[in-house]
Protein backbone atom coordinates (compact mmCIF):
# COMPACT_ATOMS: atom_id res chain seq x y z
CA MET A 1 38.92 103.29 -2.64
CA LEU A 2 38.77 99.63 -3.61
CA SER A 3 36.73 98.80 -6.70
CA ILE A 4 34.93 95.48 -6.66
CA THR A 5 35.43 95.30 -10.43
CA ASP A 6 39.13 94.75 -9.72
CA ILE A 7 38.36 91.49 -7.91
CA ASN A 8 37.93 88.15 -9.69
CA ILE A 9 35.55 86.29 -7.38
CA TYR A 10 36.26 82.97 -9.11
CA THR A 11 40.05 82.93 -8.75
CA PRO A 12 41.48 81.96 -5.33
CA THR A 13 44.59 83.68 -3.97
CA ASN A 14 47.30 82.64 -1.53
CA PHE A 15 45.19 84.32 1.19
CA CYS A 16 42.27 82.03 0.27
CA LYS A 17 44.45 78.93 0.39
CA VAL A 18 46.05 79.72 3.75
CA MET A 19 42.85 80.72 5.52
CA GLY A 20 41.09 77.64 4.17
CA LYS A 21 43.98 75.48 5.34
CA TYR A 22 43.44 76.57 8.95
CA GLY A 23 39.64 76.35 8.84
CA SER A 24 38.84 80.06 8.80
CA ASP A 25 35.56 81.11 7.18
CA LYS A 26 37.20 84.19 5.60
CA GLY A 27 37.92 82.29 2.42
CA HIS A 28 39.07 79.05 0.82
CA ASP A 29 40.85 77.93 -2.34
CA ASN A 30 37.59 76.15 -3.18
CA ILE A 31 35.59 79.37 -3.59
CA LYS A 32 32.22 77.58 -3.47
CA SER A 33 32.93 75.84 -0.16
CA CYS A 34 33.38 78.91 2.04
CA TRP A 35 30.66 81.19 3.40
CA HIS A 36 32.77 84.32 2.81
CA ASN A 37 35.35 85.35 0.22
CA TYR A 38 36.98 88.19 2.16
CA THR A 39 40.38 86.73 1.36
CA LEU A 40 40.03 88.06 -2.19
CA ILE A 41 39.76 91.56 -0.74
CA TYR A 42 42.53 91.02 1.80
CA HIS A 43 44.86 89.81 -0.93
CA LYS A 44 44.19 92.99 -2.87
CA LEU A 45 44.75 95.20 0.18
CA PHE A 46 47.61 93.47 1.95
CA ASN A 47 49.56 91.14 -0.35
CA HIS A 48 52.24 93.78 -0.95
CA LEU A 49 52.80 93.95 2.83
CA ILE A 50 53.29 90.27 3.61
CA ASN A 51 57.03 90.57 4.32
CA ASN A 52 56.70 93.70 6.44
CA LYS A 53 56.91 93.73 10.22
CA LEU A 54 53.30 94.50 11.10
CA ARG A 55 51.12 94.43 14.18
CA ILE A 56 47.82 92.75 13.33
CA PHE A 57 44.85 92.54 15.68
CA GLU A 58 41.65 90.58 15.15
CA LEU A 59 38.71 90.65 17.54
CA GLY A 60 36.91 87.30 17.67
CA LEU A 61 38.75 84.00 17.85
CA GLY A 62 35.85 81.95 16.49
CA THR A 63 34.52 80.11 19.52
CA ASN A 64 32.92 76.69 19.06
CA ASN A 65 31.06 76.92 22.37
CA LEU A 66 27.37 77.14 21.53
CA ASP A 67 26.49 79.24 24.57
CA VAL A 68 28.36 82.24 23.13
CA PRO A 69 26.67 84.62 20.64
CA SER A 70 28.13 84.64 17.10
CA ASN A 71 29.76 81.24 17.72
CA MET A 72 31.14 79.20 14.83
CA GLY A 73 29.21 76.04 15.69
CA ILE A 74 30.63 72.82 17.09
CA TYR A 75 32.92 72.39 14.09
CA GLY A 76 34.47 75.84 14.42
CA ILE A 77 38.21 76.05 14.98
CA PRO A 78 39.14 78.78 17.51
CA GLY A 79 42.13 80.83 16.39
CA ALA A 80 41.94 79.68 12.78
CA SER A 81 42.19 83.17 11.28
CA HIS A 82 44.98 84.20 13.66
CA ARG A 83 47.05 81.20 12.61
CA GLY A 84 46.31 82.10 9.01
CA TRP A 85 47.55 85.67 9.55
CA LYS A 86 50.66 84.25 11.21
CA GLU A 87 51.52 82.18 8.13
CA LEU A 88 50.63 84.91 5.64
CA PHE A 89 52.72 87.53 7.48
CA PRO A 90 55.83 85.63 8.66
CA ASN A 91 57.52 88.72 10.12
CA SER A 92 54.50 90.12 11.95
CA LEU A 93 53.00 89.88 15.43
CA ILE A 94 49.40 88.70 15.68
CA TYR A 95 47.03 89.65 18.49
CA GLY A 96 43.45 88.75 19.25
CA ALA A 97 40.68 88.95 21.80
CA ASP A 98 37.41 87.21 22.57
CA ILE A 99 34.62 87.26 25.15
CA ASP A 100 35.01 83.48 25.63
CA ASN A 101 37.86 82.95 28.09
CA ARG A 102 37.86 79.23 27.36
CA ILE A 103 39.41 79.60 23.92
CA LEU A 104 42.17 82.14 24.62
CA PHE A 105 45.64 80.90 23.71
CA ILE A 106 49.27 81.87 23.26
CA ASP A 107 51.42 80.65 20.39
CA ASP A 108 54.61 81.74 18.67
CA ARG A 109 53.92 85.34 17.52
CA ILE A 110 50.29 85.13 18.70
CA GLU A 111 48.84 86.63 21.90
CA THR A 112 45.13 86.66 22.81
CA TYR A 113 43.16 88.42 25.53
CA TYR A 114 39.70 88.71 27.02
CA CYS A 115 37.41 91.49 25.76
CA ASP A 116 33.69 92.22 25.84
CA GLN A 117 33.29 94.52 22.84
CA ARG A 118 29.98 95.85 24.15
CA ASP A 119 31.73 97.33 27.20
CA PRO A 120 34.02 100.38 26.79
CA ILE A 121 35.75 99.60 30.10
CA SER A 122 36.59 96.08 28.92
CA ILE A 123 37.90 97.47 25.63
CA ASN A 124 40.05 100.00 27.48
CA ASN A 125 41.43 97.20 29.67
CA LEU A 126 42.34 95.26 26.53
CA TRP A 127 44.37 98.14 25.13
CA ASN A 128 46.11 98.62 28.49
CA ASN A 129 47.80 95.23 28.25
CA VAL A 130 51.52 95.81 27.87
CA GLU A 131 51.69 94.02 24.52
CA CYS A 132 48.78 96.10 23.19
CA LEU A 133 50.09 99.54 24.12
CA GLU A 134 51.68 100.03 20.71
CA ASP A 135 49.29 100.79 17.83
CA PHE A 136 48.33 98.38 15.04
CA ASP A 137 48.70 98.33 11.26
CA ILE A 138 45.57 96.22 10.76
CA ILE A 139 42.56 95.87 13.07
CA ILE A 140 39.72 93.49 12.18
CA ASP A 141 36.39 93.24 14.01
CA ASP A 142 35.17 89.68 13.53
CA GLY A 143 33.59 89.54 16.97
CA LEU A 144 29.94 89.96 17.88
CA HIS A 145 28.07 90.68 14.65
CA GLU A 146 25.71 93.30 16.03
CA PHE A 147 25.56 96.91 14.92
CA THR A 148 25.83 98.46 18.40
CA ALA A 149 28.69 96.12 19.33
CA ASN A 150 30.58 97.04 16.15
CA VAL A 151 30.07 100.75 16.85
CA THR A 152 31.18 100.45 20.47
CA PHE A 153 34.37 98.61 19.58
CA PHE A 154 35.21 100.97 16.73
CA GLU A 155 34.71 104.16 18.75
CA ASN A 156 36.84 102.80 21.59
CA SER A 157 39.55 101.30 19.38
CA ILE A 158 40.09 103.46 16.30
CA HIS A 159 42.73 105.46 18.17
CA LYS A 160 44.86 102.28 18.08
CA LEU A 161 45.14 102.34 14.27
CA LYS A 162 48.46 103.46 12.83
CA SER A 163 48.82 106.01 10.07
CA ASN A 164 48.04 104.35 6.71
CA GLY A 165 46.52 101.42 8.62
CA TYR A 166 43.27 99.59 7.94
CA TYR A 167 40.34 98.88 10.28
CA ILE A 168 37.81 96.38 8.94
CA ILE A 169 34.39 95.33 10.20
CA GLU A 170 33.38 91.91 8.89
CA ASP A 171 30.06 90.12 8.46
CA ILE A 172 27.75 93.11 8.13
CA LEU A 173 24.20 91.94 7.53
CA PHE A 174 22.33 93.19 4.47
CA GLU A 175 19.54 94.30 6.78
CA HIS A 176 22.01 96.55 8.64
CA ILE A 177 23.39 98.36 5.59
CA LYS A 178 21.27 101.47 6.19
CA LEU A 179 22.41 101.63 9.83
CA PHE A 180 26.04 101.52 8.77
CA GLU A 181 25.53 104.02 5.93
CA ASP A 182 24.05 106.51 8.39
CA LYS A 183 26.82 105.86 10.92
CA MET A 184 29.46 106.31 8.21
CA LYS A 185 28.14 109.81 7.48
CA GLU A 186 28.48 110.66 11.17
CA TRP A 187 31.98 109.18 11.39
CA GLU A 188 33.16 110.99 8.25
CA ILE A 189 32.46 114.28 10.01
CA ARG A 190 33.92 113.14 13.32
CA TYR A 191 37.06 111.42 11.99
CA LEU A 192 38.47 113.61 9.24
CA ASN A 193 41.62 111.49 8.91
CA LEU A 194 39.65 108.39 7.95
CA GLU A 195 38.05 107.26 4.71
CA PHE A 196 35.19 104.75 4.78
CA GLN A 197 33.92 102.21 2.28
CA LEU A 198 31.03 99.76 2.63
CA LEU A 199 31.85 96.89 0.29
CA ILE A 200 29.21 94.39 -0.81
CA ILE A 201 31.22 91.49 -2.20
CA PRO A 202 29.72 89.25 -4.91
CA HIS A 203 29.33 85.65 -3.74
CA LEU A 204 27.91 82.56 -5.38
CA THR A 205 25.65 81.64 -2.43
CA ASN A 206 26.00 84.05 0.51
CA THR A 207 23.43 86.81 0.19
CA ASN A 208 23.22 87.35 3.94
CA ASP A 209 26.38 88.95 5.32
CA ASN A 210 29.19 88.99 2.76
CA ILE A 211 29.83 92.69 3.44
CA LEU A 212 32.84 94.55 4.81
CA MET A 213 33.32 98.07 6.06
CA ILE A 214 36.86 99.14 5.16
CA ILE A 215 38.29 102.10 7.06
CA HIS A 216 41.63 103.56 6.03
CA ASN A 217 43.66 105.97 8.13
CA LYS A 218 44.85 108.21 5.32
CA ASN A 219 47.21 110.27 7.52
């Protein structure tokens, strides 16, 4: 399990710099300027893998359309994190999905698709796309930040995680910690091959949702 004492929250990493460069809210080389500092954790987990040929999937492209729940505001940059992953992992394929069809895009080594994470049928349709049939090394849920939506996507997607892969749920609210703790106990019984960690990350200003659930397929 990852120990938060191993993380220096005041020292930016290459993950912070790249994500900040593309306008992602996962981190920034100016630690104080970004709402989250997940990039410190991702550097610790994934920096040794950056030259590997991975399949990385992130739910949520970061829509800037205000009529969509969990939008990034008018100054959001759709696809920012996906472009950051592309630069950080130059030999990997990057995939994504979002409920907002208007921001889907295709780029070199990036493919994105429609998905409503509250709907198991929609999730199943996502995984039935030809490019998504193969499993993933990293899956990140940065979509709709609601407990039931997170649970629905996890339970209909965890089978897509490769052995020794990581599944991460971002932006967990402090007020939802007890819900996730109870759900973790249920999942630990149901998914014996997985180990779960709820990580509250120290932050200089964000006391609202700077929390990750890290799930490791230990098989």
